[in-house]
């Protein structure tokens, strides 16, 4: 049970980092794109019209462990320096945000942003691990040969759903693909209510593009972000069972809490322990929701659009 709780925490963290924040930045980019806004909105929203089970089965085919799988066909053609470079780009973006937060004395947020950047860099370079650190070589020998292997490619196809190090993130990626569009449109609609006067005043004060995001957009969207945060967090705990069951069946260290309860109750018919676990899980989520709603009760809801 406690291992399943740990897996749920890991799953929830991946969901929050990969499906909660990216729609906000995508909405900002769509707000700033000069042409083709409607076309891009349609393209990003199209995956949402596909039912959940079809999405899971579609991505399960993408994760085929041979070279014919769509994901492996892409990944095995990318050299190690591509994964490392992408991770460094994400770290650079995080550091840029961190610098602006630090300058405005938001020290805790600045440190957190650097931590997020380091985690993203670690995740990206982890995909290059089989290339840079082959299993048959010692660590010191592999470390000495890293410069020579930066342009090498994957020695073999990845076992996406069978490898414990990639199985959990493979279960989350379909949610990113299917949920990016609807979440983006919600934030995009909210951005329409931000008056141009705020942006103009920020430009007069010398604000950069990052400053506008941090100190104009985010404060105005704060109520909506908190509401979505509560929904996404709770959904990542009780809505994971069906997706994980269809993708991995709970194997490869992906058995989350609600799936563990389901197995305990309906496979092993241990209804007493399953009920106790369900009460514990429910109490955890109710406590979190109450705490977030207390924060939300102190937030003032108002529009920023100028009055006629």
Protein backbone atom coordinates (compact mmCIF):
# COMPACT_ATOMS: atom_id res chain seq x y z
CA UNK A 1 0.00 0.00 0.00
CA UNK A 2 2.71 2.49 0.91
CA UNK A 3 4.63 1.62 -2.25
CA UNK A 4 1.43 2.35 -4.20
CA UNK A 5 1.15 5.70 -2.37
CA UNK A 6 4.73 6.47 -3.43
CA UNK A 7 3.88 5.60 -7.04
CA UNK A 8 0.83 7.87 -6.85
CA UNK A 9 3.01 10.72 -5.60
CA UNK A 10 5.41 10.13 -8.49
CA UNK A 11 2.53 9.95 -10.98
CA UNK A 12 0.94 13.10 -9.55
CA UNK A 13 4.25 14.98 -9.73
CA UNK A 14 4.68 14.05 -13.40
CA UNK A 15 1.08 15.03 -14.17
CA UNK A 16 1.47 18.38 -12.43
CA UNK A 17 4.77 19.23 -14.14
CA UNK A 18 3.79 17.99 -17.60
CA UNK A 19 0.05 18.73 -17.88
CA UNK A 20 -0.60 21.68 -15.55
CA UNK A 21 1.97 24.37 -16.41
CA UNK A 22 2.54 23.76 -20.17
CA UNK A 23 -1.03 24.82 -21.16
CA UNK A 24 -0.44 28.18 -19.46
CA UNK A 25 2.70 28.86 -21.49
CA UNK A 26 1.04 27.52 -24.65
CA UNK A 27 -1.89 29.91 -24.11
CA UNK A 28 0.54 32.82 -23.74
CA UNK A 29 2.30 31.83 -26.97
CA UNK A 30 -1.00 31.50 -28.84
CA UNK A 31 -1.99 34.90 -27.50
CA UNK A 32 1.18 36.43 -28.97
CA UNK A 33 1.30 34.57 -32.31
CA UNK A 34 0.66 37.11 -35.09
CA UNK A 35 -1.13 34.86 -37.58
CA UNK A 36 -3.04 31.58 -37.71
CA UNK A 37 -4.43 31.71 -34.17
CA UNK A 38 -7.62 29.82 -35.04
CA UNK A 39 -5.68 27.15 -36.97
CA UNK A 40 -3.31 26.51 -34.07
CA UNK A 41 -6.18 26.35 -31.59
CA UNK A 42 -7.93 23.72 -33.70
CA UNK A 43 -4.73 21.67 -34.07
CA UNK A 44 -4.05 21.65 -30.33
CA UNK A 45 -7.68 20.89 -29.46
CA UNK A 46 -8.18 18.00 -31.91
CA UNK A 47 -6.72 15.27 -29.60
CA UNK A 48 -9.39 16.13 -27.01
CA UNK A 49 -12.19 14.85 -29.27
CA UNK A 50 -10.71 11.32 -29.14
CA UNK A 51 -12.09 9.17 -26.31
CA UNK A 52 -9.73 8.26 -23.47
CA UNK A 53 -9.49 4.53 -24.22
CA UNK A 54 -8.73 5.16 -27.90
CA UNK A 55 -5.98 7.60 -26.88
CA UNK A 56 -4.44 5.00 -24.55
CA UNK A 57 -4.52 2.22 -27.17
CA UNK A 58 -3.12 4.58 -29.81
CA UNK A 59 -0.17 5.51 -27.61
CA UNK A 60 0.33 1.90 -26.60
CA UNK A 61 1.01 1.19 -30.27
CA UNK A 62 3.38 4.15 -30.38
CA UNK A 63 5.31 2.54 -27.50
CA UNK A 64 5.88 -0.71 -29.40
CA UNK A 65 9.25 -1.95 -28.09
CA UNK A 66 10.70 -2.60 -31.57
CA UNK A 67 12.18 -0.19 -34.09
CA UNK A 68 8.77 -0.06 -35.80
CA UNK A 69 7.23 1.77 -32.85
CA UNK A 70 6.64 5.46 -33.49
CA UNK A 71 8.46 6.62 -30.34
CA UNK A 72 11.45 4.36 -30.90
CA UNK A 73 11.61 5.36 -34.56
CA UNK A 74 12.14 8.96 -33.40
CA UNK A 75 14.28 8.39 -30.31
CA UNK A 76 16.83 6.03 -31.86
CA UNK A 77 17.62 8.64 -34.51
CA UNK A 78 18.46 11.36 -31.98
CA UNK A 79 22.11 11.46 -30.81
CA UNK A 80 22.96 11.84 -27.15
CA UNK A 81 23.86 15.50 -27.62
CA UNK A 82 20.28 16.16 -28.75
CA UNK A 83 18.83 14.98 -25.42
CA UNK A 84 21.47 16.83 -23.42
CA UNK A 85 21.04 19.99 -25.50
CA UNK A 86 17.26 19.99 -25.07
CA UNK A 87 17.67 19.56 -21.33
CA UNK A 88 20.12 22.48 -21.24
CA UNK A 89 17.64 24.66 -23.15
CA UNK A 90 14.94 23.89 -20.57
CA UNK A 91 17.39 24.63 -17.75
CA UNK A 92 18.33 27.93 -19.42
CA UNK A 93 14.66 28.98 -19.62
CA UNK A 94 14.16 28.06 -15.96
CA UNK A 95 17.25 30.06 -14.96
CA UNK A 96 15.99 33.09 -16.90
CA UNK A 97 12.72 33.00 -14.96
CA UNK A 98 14.67 32.43 -11.74
CA UNK A 99 16.84 35.51 -12.34
CA UNK A 100 13.82 37.76 -12.69
CA UNK A 101 12.21 36.27 -9.57
CA UNK A 102 15.44 36.71 -7.60
CA UNK A 103 15.74 40.33 -8.72
CA UNK A 104 12.26 41.01 -7.36
CA UNK A 105 13.17 39.31 -4.04
CA UNK A 106 11.08 36.17 -4.66
CA UNK A 107 13.91 34.01 -3.37
CA UNK A 108 11.92 30.85 -2.62
CA UNK A 109 10.22 30.88 -6.00
CA UNK A 110 13.56 31.52 -7.70
CA UNK A 111 15.15 28.51 -6.01
CA UNK A 112 12.13 26.38 -6.89
CA UNK A 113 12.40 27.40 -10.54
CA UNK A 114 16.05 26.37 -10.62
CA UNK A 115 15.08 23.03 -9.04
CA UNK A 116 12.47 22.47 -11.74
CA UNK A 117 15.07 23.22 -14.41
CA UNK A 118 17.50 20.73 -12.89
CA UNK A 119 14.79 18.06 -12.76
CA UNK A 120 13.96 18.65 -16.43
CA UNK A 121 17.65 18.46 -17.32
CA UNK A 122 17.96 15.21 -15.37
CA UNK A 123 14.94 13.73 -17.16
CA UNK A 124 16.29 14.65 -20.61
CA UNK A 125 19.82 13.43 -19.94
CA UNK A 126 18.37 10.24 -18.46
CA UNK A 127 17.22 9.28 -21.96
CA UNK A 128 20.84 9.60 -23.08
CA UNK A 129 22.02 7.35 -20.23
CA UNK A 130 22.12 4.10 -22.28
CA UNK A 131 24.29 5.88 -24.86
CA UNK A 132 26.71 7.62 -22.51
CA UNK A 133 26.90 4.92 -19.85
CA UNK A 134 26.69 1.43 -21.44
CA UNK A 135 25.83 -1.35 -19.01
CA UNK A 136 28.97 -3.38 -19.83
CA UNK A 137 31.42 -0.60 -18.94
CA UNK A 138 32.47 0.75 -15.57
CA UNK A 139 31.35 4.22 -14.55
CA UNK A 140 34.85 5.75 -14.72
CA UNK A 141 35.49 4.29 -18.16
CA UNK A 142 32.14 5.58 -19.44
CA UNK A 143 32.82 9.00 -17.93
CA UNK A 144 36.10 9.26 -19.84
CA UNK A 145 34.40 8.34 -23.14
CA UNK A 146 31.47 10.78 -22.87
CA UNK A 147 32.92 13.34 -25.37
CA UNK A 148 33.31 10.57 -27.96
CA UNK A 149 29.73 9.32 -27.50
CA UNK A 150 27.84 12.60 -27.67
CA UNK A 151 26.97 11.97 -31.32
CA UNK A 152 26.17 8.26 -30.89
CA UNK A 153 22.60 6.99 -31.00
CA UNK A 154 20.58 4.50 -29.00
CA UNK A 155 22.19 1.04 -29.17
CA UNK A 156 18.76 -0.64 -29.05
CA UNK A 157 15.06 0.19 -28.91
CA UNK A 158 13.63 1.34 -25.60
CA UNK A 159 11.18 -0.87 -23.69
CA UNK A 160 8.89 2.03 -22.82
CA UNK A 161 6.22 0.16 -20.85
CA UNK A 162 8.44 -2.64 -19.50
CA UNK A 163 11.26 -0.52 -18.10
CA UNK A 164 10.47 0.85 -14.60
CA UNK A 165 12.46 4.02 -15.32
CA UNK A 166 10.29 4.98 -18.33
CA UNK A 167 6.96 3.22 -17.71
CA UNK A 168 5.45 5.88 -15.45
CA UNK A 169 6.31 8.81 -17.69
CA UNK A 170 5.03 6.80 -20.67
CA UNK A 171 1.66 6.60 -18.91
CA UNK A 172 1.58 10.38 -18.43
CA UNK A 173 2.58 11.48 -21.96
CA UNK A 174 -0.82 10.56 -23.52
CA UNK A 175 -2.48 12.85 -20.96
CA UNK A 176 -0.18 15.68 -22.04
CA UNK A 177 -1.06 15.09 -25.68
CA UNK A 178 -4.81 14.91 -25.08
CA UNK A 179 -5.15 17.53 -22.35
CA UNK A 180 -2.95 20.32 -23.65
CA UNK A 181 -5.61 21.77 -25.98
CA UNK A 182 -8.61 22.09 -23.61
CA UNK A 183 -6.46 23.48 -20.80
CA UNK A 184 -4.84 25.93 -23.19
CA UNK A 185 -8.20 27.27 -24.42
CA UNK A 186 -9.37 27.89 -20.84
CA UNK A 187 -6.33 30.01 -20.07
CA UNK A 188 -6.51 31.68 -23.47
CA UNK A 189 -10.08 32.78 -22.73
CA UNK A 190 -8.92 34.20 -19.39
CA UNK A 191 -6.08 36.10 -21.08
CA UNK A 192 -8.64 37.86 -23.26
CA UNK A 193 -9.85 39.63 -20.12
CA UNK A 194 -6.45 41.17 -19.39
CA UNK A 195 -6.55 44.84 -20.35
CA UNK A 196 -3.85 46.13 -22.69
CA UNK A 197 -3.20 48.92 -20.19
CA UNK A 198 -1.40 46.46 -17.91
CA UNK A 199 1.02 45.43 -20.66
CA UNK A 200 1.61 49.05 -21.70
CA UNK A 201 2.29 50.12 -18.10
CA UNK A 202 4.71 47.21 -17.69
CA UNK A 203 6.57 48.19 -20.89
CA UNK A 204 6.86 51.79 -19.68
CA UNK A 205 8.42 50.47 -16.44
CA UNK A 206 10.97 48.52 -18.48
CA UNK A 207 9.45 45.05 -18.00
CA UNK A 208 10.73 42.24 -20.19
CA UNK A 209 8.59 39.49 -21.74
CA UNK A 210 9.41 37.25 -18.76
CA UNK A 211 8.44 40.03 -16.34
CA UNK A 212 5.06 40.36 -18.03
CA UNK A 213 4.45 36.64 -17.60
CA UNK A 214 5.54 36.56 -13.95
CA UNK A 215 4.09 39.83 -12.65
CA UNK A 216 1.17 40.60 -14.97
CA UNK A 217 -0.23 37.36 -16.36
CA UNK A 218 0.28 34.99 -13.41
CA UNK A 219 -1.19 37.30 -10.71
CA UNK A 220 -4.29 37.91 -12.82
CA UNK A 221 -4.72 34.21 -13.64
CA UNK A 222 -4.05 33.14 -10.04
CA UNK A 223 -7.69 32.23 -9.15
CA UNK A 224 -8.06 30.14 -12.30
CA UNK A 225 -4.67 28.49 -11.72
CA UNK A 226 -5.61 27.53 -8.16
CA UNK A 227 -8.95 26.06 -9.28
CA UNK A 228 -7.28 24.05 -12.05
CA UNK A 229 -4.49 23.01 -9.69
CA UNK A 230 -7.00 21.46 -7.26
CA UNK A 231 -8.80 19.66 -10.08
CA UNK A 232 -5.63 18.35 -11.75
CA UNK A 233 -4.10 17.21 -8.44
CA UNK A 234 -7.18 15.31 -7.29
CA UNK A 235 -7.73 13.92 -10.80
CA UNK A 236 -4.15 12.61 -10.86
CA UNK A 237 -4.92 10.52 -7.75
CA UNK A 238 -8.29 9.01 -8.52
CA UNK A 239 -8.23 9.05 -12.32
CA UNK A 240 -4.97 7.19 -12.85
CA UNK A 241 -6.20 3.61 -12.34
CA UNK A 242 -7.89 3.16 -15.72
CA UNK A 243 -5.03 4.61 -17.70
CA UNK A 244 -2.30 2.70 -15.86
CA UNK A 245 -4.33 -0.53 -16.02
CA UNK A 246 -4.72 -0.21 -19.81
CA UNK A 247 -1.08 0.78 -20.38
CA UNK A 248 0.93 -1.46 -18.05
CA UNK A 249 -1.54 -3.39 -15.88
CA UNK A 250 0.27 -2.03 -12.84
CA UNK A 251 3.57 -3.69 -13.80
CA UNK A 252 6.99 -2.01 -14.03
CA UNK A 253 6.49 -0.17 -10.72
CA UNK A 254 3.41 1.73 -11.92
CA UNK A 255 0.73 0.39 -9.54
CA UNK A 256 -0.83 3.56 -8.13
CA UNK A 257 -3.02 3.82 -5.02
CA UNK A 258 -6.46 3.60 -6.62
CA UNK A 259 -5.37 0.71 -8.85
CA UNK A 260 -4.00 -1.08 -5.77
CA UNK A 261 -7.39 -0.63 -4.07
CA UNK A 262 -9.15 -2.00 -7.14
CA UNK A 263 -6.91 -5.09 -7.24
CA UNK A 264 -7.34 -5.63 -3.50
CA UNK A 265 -11.14 -5.41 -3.68
CA UNK A 266 -12.11 -7.01 -6.98
CA UNK A 267 -9.21 -9.37 -7.72
CA UNK A 268 -8.31 -10.69 -4.26
CA UNK A 269 -11.78 -9.93 -2.70
CA UNK A 270 -10.22 -8.37 0.39
CA UNK A 271 -12.96 -5.81 0.81
CA UNK A 272 -12.05 -4.79 4.37
CA UNK A 273 -8.47 -3.65 3.66
CA UNK A 274 -9.61 -2.11 0.36
CA UNK A 275 -12.27 -0.06 2.16
CA UNK A 276 -9.73 1.12 4.74
CA UNK A 277 -7.33 2.16 2.00
CA UNK A 278 -10.11 4.01 0.18
CA UNK A 279 -10.94 5.94 3.37
CA UNK A 280 -7.27 6.88 3.83
CA UNK A 281 -6.99 8.04 0.23
CA UNK A 282 -10.25 9.97 0.47
CA UNK A 283 -9.16 11.69 3.70
CA UNK A 284 -5.88 12.75 2.08
CA UNK A 285 -7.62 14.28 -0.94
CA UNK A 286 -10.36 15.95 1.12
CA UNK A 287 -7.75 17.51 3.40
CA UNK A 288 -5.82 18.84 0.41
CA UNK A 289 -8.98 20.22 -1.22
CA UNK A 290 -10.08 21.97 1.99
CA UNK A 291 -6.64 23.56 2.38
CA UNK A 292 -6.66 24.83 -1.21
CA UNK A 293 -10.22 26.12 -0.92
CA UNK A 294 -9.21 28.11 2.17
CA UNK A 295 -6.52 29.75 0.06
CA UNK A 296 -9.03 30.31 -2.75
CA UNK A 297 -11.52 31.97 -0.39
CA UNK A 298 -9.02 34.78 0.19
CA UNK A 299 -8.59 35.46 -3.53
CA UNK A 300 -10.56 38.30 -5.06
CA UNK A 301 -12.20 37.53 -8.40
CA UNK A 302 -12.44 40.45 -10.78
CA UNK A 303 -12.06 41.27 -14.45
CA UNK A 304 -9.27 43.47 -15.72
CA UNK A 305 -11.01 44.58 -18.87
CA UNK A 306 -11.61 48.33 -19.06
CA UNK A 307 -15.17 49.48 -18.43
CA UNK A 308 -17.18 50.83 -21.32
